[in-house]
Amino acid sequence: MKVTISNHEIRRYLEIDLCKLPLYASPLINLANQYAQGTRPEVVGQMTELMKQFSGRTCGDWEKWYLERHSDAIRRATEKILKMLQQFKETIEGIDESLVER
């Protein structure tokens, strides 16, 4: 038997608020992260291994446990992604009709 759980239900069960972002912000952040590699294991840890070590039960337990072990990971990932977004911004500012036409 196959059971399907919607993202909405997962958020509700895990008590995770929906993060409202401006239009296009999420895909731009994700694209910048792909280039910057901000969420690679070298930056944030190897999640499959970390999940094996984690013995808590809630998102709050995970957050506390993870931050005790990787206190600067989110800051480092954020900095890498923001740097790439700044590079995107500079590139976009240099795009004109001629460049698009080419």
Protein backbone atom coordinates (compact mmCIF):
# COMPACT_ATOMS: atom_id res chain seq x y z
CA MET A 1 0.00 0.00 0.00
CA LYS A 2 1.37 3.38 -1.00
CA VAL A 3 0.80 6.32 1.35
CA THR A 4 1.13 9.89 0.11
CA ILE A 5 1.73 12.76 2.50
CA SER A 6 1.58 16.32 1.18
CA ASN A 7 4.20 18.95 1.97
CA HIS A 8 1.51 20.84 3.87
CA GLU A 9 0.86 17.80 6.09
CA ILE A 10 4.59 17.28 6.70
CA ARG A 11 4.99 20.92 7.74
CA ARG A 12 1.99 20.62 10.06
CA TYR A 13 3.22 17.38 11.69
CA LEU A 14 6.72 18.78 12.16
CA GLU A 15 5.40 22.19 13.22
CA ILE A 16 7.34 23.97 10.48
CA ASP A 17 6.05 27.37 9.36
CA LEU A 18 5.80 28.06 5.65
CA CYS A 19 8.50 30.52 4.65
CA LYS A 20 7.03 33.19 2.38
CA LEU A 21 9.66 34.62 0.04
CA PRO A 22 9.38 37.28 -2.64
CA LEU A 23 8.58 36.10 -6.16
CA TYR A 24 11.61 34.39 -7.78
CA ALA A 25 13.68 34.54 -4.57
CA SER A 26 13.59 30.80 -3.92
CA PRO A 27 14.72 29.66 -7.39
CA LEU A 28 17.44 32.34 -7.44
CA ILE A 29 18.73 31.28 -4.02
CA ASN A 30 18.68 27.64 -5.09
CA LEU A 31 20.54 28.44 -8.31
CA ALA A 32 23.13 30.50 -6.44
CA ASN A 33 23.58 27.61 -4.01
CA GLN A 34 24.16 25.20 -6.89
CA TYR A 35 27.03 27.37 -8.12
CA ALA A 36 28.37 28.33 -4.68
CA GLN A 37 28.02 24.80 -3.28
CA GLY A 38 27.00 26.26 0.06
CA THR A 39 25.25 23.14 1.29
CA ARG A 40 27.99 20.63 0.44
CA PRO A 41 29.16 18.25 3.19
CA GLU A 42 32.39 20.22 3.60
CA VAL A 43 30.31 23.23 4.64
CA VAL A 44 27.31 21.83 6.52
CA GLY A 45 28.31 18.24 7.27
CA GLN A 46 27.35 14.92 5.68
CA MET A 47 23.63 14.78 6.44
CA THR A 48 23.25 11.01 5.95
CA GLU A 49 25.94 10.39 8.56
CA LEU A 50 24.61 13.06 10.90
CA MET A 51 21.11 11.58 10.76
CA LYS A 52 22.53 8.18 11.77
CA GLN A 53 24.14 9.78 14.83
CA PHE A 54 21.08 11.82 15.84
CA SER A 55 18.90 10.20 18.50
CA GLY A 56 16.34 12.97 19.10
CA ARG A 57 12.72 12.96 17.97
CA THR A 58 11.71 16.51 17.02
CA CYS A 59 12.86 19.28 14.70
CA GLY A 60 13.76 21.27 17.80
CA ASP A 61 15.91 18.38 19.05
CA TRP A 62 17.64 18.22 15.67
CA GLU A 63 18.29 21.96 15.56
CA LYS A 64 19.86 21.98 19.04
CA TRP A 65 21.91 18.83 18.36
CA TYR A 66 23.10 20.00 14.94
CA LEU A 67 24.06 23.52 16.05
CA GLU A 68 26.08 22.12 18.95
CA ARG A 69 28.21 20.21 16.42
CA HIS A 70 28.20 22.62 13.46
CA SER A 71 27.72 26.03 15.05
CA ASP A 72 29.04 28.02 12.09
CA ALA A 73 27.68 25.88 9.22
CA ILE A 74 24.59 27.98 8.49
CA ARG A 75 26.61 31.21 8.58
CA ARG A 76 29.25 29.74 6.22
CA ALA A 77 26.60 28.43 3.80
CA THR A 78 24.77 31.75 3.87
CA GLU A 79 27.96 33.70 3.14
CA LYS A 80 28.81 31.48 0.16
CA ILE A 81 25.30 31.81 -1.29
CA LEU A 82 25.12 35.59 -0.71
CA LYS A 83 28.48 36.04 -2.42
CA MET A 84 27.18 34.18 -5.46
CA LEU A 85 23.94 36.20 -5.44
CA GLN A 86 26.05 39.38 -5.48
CA GLN A 87 27.89 38.03 -8.51
CA PHE A 88 24.52 37.29 -10.15
CA LYS A 89 23.41 40.85 -9.42
CA GLU A 90 26.54 42.33 -10.99
CA THR A 91 26.12 40.13 -14.06
CA ILE A 92 22.43 40.99 -14.43
CA GLU A 93 23.21 44.70 -14.25
CA GLY A 94 25.54 44.23 -17.24
CA ILE A 95 22.96 42.48 -19.39
CA ASP A 96 21.39 44.67 -22.05
CA GLU A 97 19.25 44.16 -25.15
CA SER A 98 22.27 43.56 -27.31
CA LEU A 99 23.56 40.80 -25.08
CA VAL A 100 20.14 39.11 -24.91
CA GLU A 101 19.83 39.37 -28.69
CA ARG A 102 23.20 37.66 -29.17
